[in-house]
């Protein structure tokens, strides 16, 4: 591999790492936003006056926890891909 190819590969590698870095920032924001939704849903669940409202709040809590797990899985997969280089 010549120096031009090395430079091109390095630039490409940096560019993809920067893109994944931006994704990391987005995942951080997403987790923060999901955390806010989760805390409010948990409060609604505790303060619900009837079973229907409590059940609905529980569904939101469950869905947010699933979404957080999915975000973690995606982030983990991205980390695997970037560490492969």
N, C-alpha and C. Protein backbone atom coordinates (compact mmCIF):
# COMPACT_ATOMS: atom_id res chain seq x y z
N UNK A 1 0.85 -1.17 0.00
CA UNK A 1 0.00 0.00 0.00
C UNK A 1 0.90 1.23 0.00
N UNK A 2 0.65 2.16 -0.91
CA UNK A 2 1.49 3.35 -0.98
C UNK A 2 0.99 4.42 -0.01
N UNK A 3 1.74 5.51 0.11
CA UNK A 3 1.41 6.55 1.08
C UNK A 3 0.08 7.23 0.76
N UNK A 4 -0.26 7.35 -0.52
CA UNK A 4 -1.54 7.95 -0.90
C UNK A 4 -2.69 7.06 -0.44
N UNK A 5 -2.54 5.75 -0.61
CA UNK A 5 -3.57 4.83 -0.15
C UNK A 5 -3.66 4.85 1.38
N UNK A 6 -2.52 4.91 2.06
CA UNK A 6 -2.52 5.00 3.52
C UNK A 6 -3.25 6.24 3.99
N UNK A 7 -2.98 7.37 3.37
CA UNK A 7 -3.63 8.62 3.74
C UNK A 7 -5.13 8.53 3.50
N UNK A 8 -5.50 7.94 2.38
CA UNK A 8 -6.92 7.79 2.05
C UNK A 8 -7.62 6.89 3.06
N UNK A 9 -6.97 5.80 3.43
CA UNK A 9 -7.54 4.87 4.41
C UNK A 9 -7.67 5.55 5.76
N UNK A 10 -6.65 6.29 6.17
CA UNK A 10 -6.67 6.99 7.45
C UNK A 10 -7.79 8.03 7.47
N UNK A 11 -7.93 8.79 6.40
CA UNK A 11 -8.99 9.79 6.31
C UNK A 11 -10.36 9.13 6.37
N UNK A 12 -10.52 8.04 5.66
CA UNK A 12 -11.79 7.30 5.67
C UNK A 12 -12.08 6.76 7.06
N UNK A 13 -11.06 6.23 7.74
CA UNK A 13 -11.22 5.69 9.08
C UNK A 13 -11.62 6.79 10.05
N UNK A 14 -10.94 7.94 9.97
CA UNK A 14 -11.28 9.07 10.83
C UNK A 14 -12.71 9.52 10.60
N UNK A 15 -13.09 9.61 9.33
CA UNK A 15 -14.43 10.06 8.98
C UNK A 15 -15.49 9.13 9.57
N UNK A 16 -15.27 7.81 9.45
CA UNK A 16 -16.25 6.88 10.00
C UNK A 16 -16.28 6.95 11.52
N UNK A 17 -15.12 7.14 12.17
CA UNK A 17 -15.10 7.28 13.62
C UNK A 17 -15.83 8.54 14.06
N UNK A 18 -15.68 9.64 13.32
CA UNK A 18 -16.39 10.86 13.65
C UNK A 18 -17.89 10.66 13.52
N UNK A 19 -18.30 9.94 12.47
CA UNK A 19 -19.72 9.66 12.29
C UNK A 19 -20.24 8.82 13.44
N UNK A 20 -19.49 7.79 13.84
CA UNK A 20 -19.91 6.96 14.96
C UNK A 20 -19.87 7.75 16.26
N UNK A 21 -18.94 8.68 16.39
CA UNK A 21 -18.91 9.55 17.55
C UNK A 21 -20.17 10.37 17.66
N UNK A 22 -20.64 10.87 16.52
CA UNK A 22 -21.90 11.61 16.50
C UNK A 22 -23.04 10.70 16.92
N UNK A 23 -23.00 9.44 16.50
CA UNK A 23 -24.03 8.48 16.90
C UNK A 23 -23.99 8.26 18.41
N UNK A 24 -22.80 8.21 18.97
CA UNK A 24 -22.67 8.05 20.42
C UNK A 24 -23.33 9.19 21.16
N UNK A 25 -23.15 10.39 20.65
CA UNK A 25 -23.79 11.56 21.24
C UNK A 25 -25.31 11.47 21.13
N UNK A 26 -25.77 11.00 19.97
CA UNK A 26 -27.21 10.84 19.78
C UNK A 26 -27.78 9.77 20.71
N UNK A 27 -27.06 8.68 20.90
CA UNK A 27 -27.52 7.65 21.83
C UNK A 27 -27.58 8.18 23.25
N UNK A 28 -26.61 8.99 23.62
CA UNK A 28 -26.61 9.60 24.95
C UNK A 28 -27.86 10.47 25.14
N UNK A 29 -28.14 11.29 24.14
CA UNK A 29 -29.34 12.14 24.20
C UNK A 29 -30.61 11.30 24.27
N UNK A 30 -30.67 10.25 23.44
CA UNK A 30 -31.84 9.37 23.43
C UNK A 30 -32.05 8.74 24.80
N UNK A 31 -30.98 8.24 25.41
CA UNK A 31 -31.11 7.64 26.74
C UNK A 31 -31.57 8.66 27.77
N UNK A 32 -31.07 9.89 27.69
CA UNK A 32 -31.53 10.93 28.61
C UNK A 32 -33.02 11.19 28.45
N UNK A 33 -33.47 11.28 27.19
CA UNK A 33 -34.88 11.55 26.93
C UNK A 33 -35.75 10.37 27.38
N UNK A 34 -35.29 9.16 27.12
CA UNK A 34 -36.04 7.98 27.57
C UNK A 34 -36.09 7.92 29.10
N UNK A 35 -35.02 8.33 29.74
CA UNK A 35 -34.99 8.37 31.21
C UNK A 35 -36.03 9.32 31.78
N UNK A 36 -36.21 10.45 31.13
CA UNK A 36 -37.23 11.41 31.57
C UNK A 36 -38.62 10.81 31.41
N UNK A 37 -38.86 10.19 30.26
CA UNK A 37 -40.16 9.54 30.03
C UNK A 37 -40.39 8.45 31.07
N UNK A 38 -39.36 7.66 31.33
CA UNK A 38 -39.46 6.57 32.30
C UNK A 38 -39.82 7.10 33.68
N UNK A 39 -39.13 8.13 34.12
CA UNK A 39 -39.40 8.65 35.47
C UNK A 39 -40.82 9.19 35.59
N UNK A 40 -41.30 9.87 34.57
CA UNK A 40 -42.68 10.38 34.61
C UNK A 40 -43.69 9.24 34.57
N UNK A 41 -43.43 8.22 33.76
CA UNK A 41 -44.34 7.07 33.69
C UNK A 41 -44.38 6.33 35.03
N UNK A 42 -43.22 6.21 35.68
CA UNK A 42 -43.19 5.55 36.99
C UNK A 42 -43.97 6.36 38.03
N UNK A 43 -43.85 7.68 37.97
CA UNK A 43 -44.65 8.52 38.88
C UNK A 43 -46.14 8.34 38.62
N UNK A 44 -46.52 8.34 37.35
CA UNK A 44 -47.93 8.13 37.02
C UNK A 44 -48.41 6.76 37.50
N UNK A 45 -47.56 5.77 37.37
CA UNK A 45 -47.90 4.42 37.80
C UNK A 45 -48.19 4.37 39.30
N UNK A 46 -47.34 5.04 40.08
CA UNK A 46 -47.49 5.05 41.53
C UNK A 46 -48.71 5.86 41.97
N UNK A 47 -48.95 6.97 41.30
CA UNK A 47 -50.03 7.88 41.71
C UNK A 47 -51.37 7.60 41.04
N UNK A 48 -51.41 6.61 40.17
CA UNK A 48 -52.66 6.31 39.45
C UNK A 48 -53.76 5.95 40.44
N UNK A 49 -54.94 6.49 40.18
CA UNK A 49 -56.08 6.27 41.08
C UNK A 49 -56.88 5.02 40.72
N UNK A 50 -56.69 4.52 39.52
CA UNK A 50 -57.47 3.35 39.10
C UNK A 50 -56.57 2.36 38.36
N UNK A 51 -57.08 1.14 38.25
CA UNK A 51 -56.30 0.07 37.63
C UNK A 51 -56.00 0.32 36.15
N UNK A 52 -56.93 0.91 35.43
CA UNK A 52 -56.72 1.17 34.00
C UNK A 52 -55.56 2.15 33.81
N UNK A 53 -55.56 3.23 34.56
CA UNK A 53 -54.47 4.22 34.46
C UNK A 53 -53.14 3.61 34.88
N UNK A 54 -53.16 2.81 35.95
CA UNK A 54 -51.94 2.16 36.42
C UNK A 54 -51.41 1.19 35.36
N UNK A 55 -52.31 0.46 34.73
CA UNK A 55 -51.92 -0.48 33.67
C UNK A 55 -51.32 0.25 32.47
N UNK A 56 -51.91 1.36 32.09
CA UNK A 56 -51.38 2.14 30.96
C UNK A 56 -49.99 2.67 31.28
N UNK A 57 -49.83 3.18 32.50
CA UNK A 57 -48.52 3.70 32.90
C UNK A 57 -47.49 2.56 32.92
N UNK A 58 -47.90 1.39 33.37
CA UNK A 58 -47.01 0.22 33.39
C UNK A 58 -46.57 -0.17 31.99
N UNK A 59 -47.49 -0.06 31.04
CA UNK A 59 -47.14 -0.36 29.64
C UNK A 59 -46.10 0.62 29.12
N UNK A 60 -46.24 1.89 29.49
CA UNK A 60 -45.25 2.89 29.07
C UNK A 60 -43.90 2.57 29.69
N UNK A 61 -43.90 2.25 30.98
CA UNK A 61 -42.64 1.90 31.66
C UNK A 61 -41.98 0.72 30.95
N UNK A 62 -42.74 -0.31 30.69
CA UNK A 62 -42.20 -1.50 30.02
C UNK A 62 -41.66 -1.17 28.63
N UNK A 63 -42.39 -0.37 27.89
CA UNK A 63 -41.95 0.00 26.54
C UNK A 63 -40.67 0.84 26.56
N UNK A 64 -40.58 1.75 27.51
CA UNK A 64 -39.37 2.58 27.61
C UNK A 64 -38.17 1.72 27.97
N UNK A 65 -38.35 0.79 28.89
CA UNK A 65 -37.25 -0.11 29.25
C UNK A 65 -36.81 -0.94 28.05
N UNK A 66 -37.77 -1.40 27.26
CA UNK A 66 -37.43 -2.13 26.03
C UNK A 66 -36.66 -1.23 25.06
N UNK A 67 -37.11 0.02 24.92
CA UNK A 67 -36.43 0.96 24.01
C UNK A 67 -35.01 1.24 24.48
N UNK A 68 -34.82 1.37 25.79
CA UNK A 68 -33.47 1.59 26.33
C UNK A 68 -32.57 0.39 26.04
N UNK A 69 -33.12 -0.81 26.18
CA UNK A 69 -32.37 -2.02 25.87
C UNK A 69 -32.00 -2.09 24.40
N UNK A 70 -32.93 -1.71 23.55
CA UNK A 70 -32.67 -1.70 22.11
C UNK A 70 -31.57 -0.70 21.77
N UNK A 71 -31.64 0.48 22.37
CA UNK A 71 -30.60 1.50 22.13
C UNK A 71 -29.24 0.99 22.58
N UNK A 72 -29.20 0.30 23.73
CA UNK A 72 -27.93 -0.28 24.22
C UNK A 72 -27.40 -1.32 23.24
N UNK A 73 -28.30 -2.15 22.71
CA UNK A 73 -27.88 -3.18 21.75
C UNK A 73 -27.32 -2.57 20.48
N UNK A 74 -27.96 -1.53 19.98
CA UNK A 74 -27.48 -0.85 18.77
C UNK A 74 -26.12 -0.23 19.04
N UNK A 75 -25.99 0.43 20.17
CA UNK A 75 -24.71 1.07 20.50
C UNK A 75 -23.60 0.03 20.64
N UNK A 76 -23.92 -1.09 21.26
CA UNK A 76 -22.95 -2.17 21.41
C UNK A 76 -22.51 -2.70 20.05
N UNK A 77 -23.45 -2.85 19.15
CA UNK A 77 -23.13 -3.34 17.80
C UNK A 77 -22.24 -2.34 17.06
N UNK A 78 -22.53 -1.06 17.21
CA UNK A 78 -21.69 -0.03 16.58
C UNK A 78 -20.28 -0.09 17.16
N UNK A 79 -20.17 -0.27 18.48
CA UNK A 79 -18.85 -0.38 19.10
C UNK A 79 -18.09 -1.58 18.57
N UNK A 80 -18.78 -2.69 18.36
CA UNK A 80 -18.13 -3.88 17.79
C UNK A 80 -17.61 -3.58 16.39
N UNK A 81 -18.40 -2.89 15.60
CA UNK A 81 -18.00 -2.58 14.23
C UNK A 81 -16.81 -1.63 14.19
N UNK A 82 -16.79 -0.63 15.07
CA UNK A 82 -15.69 0.33 15.06
C UNK A 82 -14.42 -0.25 15.66
N UNK A 83 -14.53 -1.18 16.57
CA UNK A 83 -13.34 -1.79 17.18
C UNK A 83 -12.74 -2.87 16.30
N UNK A 84 -13.43 -3.24 15.26
CA UNK A 84 -12.95 -4.26 14.33
C UNK A 84 -11.81 -3.73 13.48
N UNK A 85 -11.76 -2.41 13.26
CA UNK A 85 -10.76 -1.81 12.36
C UNK A 85 -9.36 -1.91 12.90
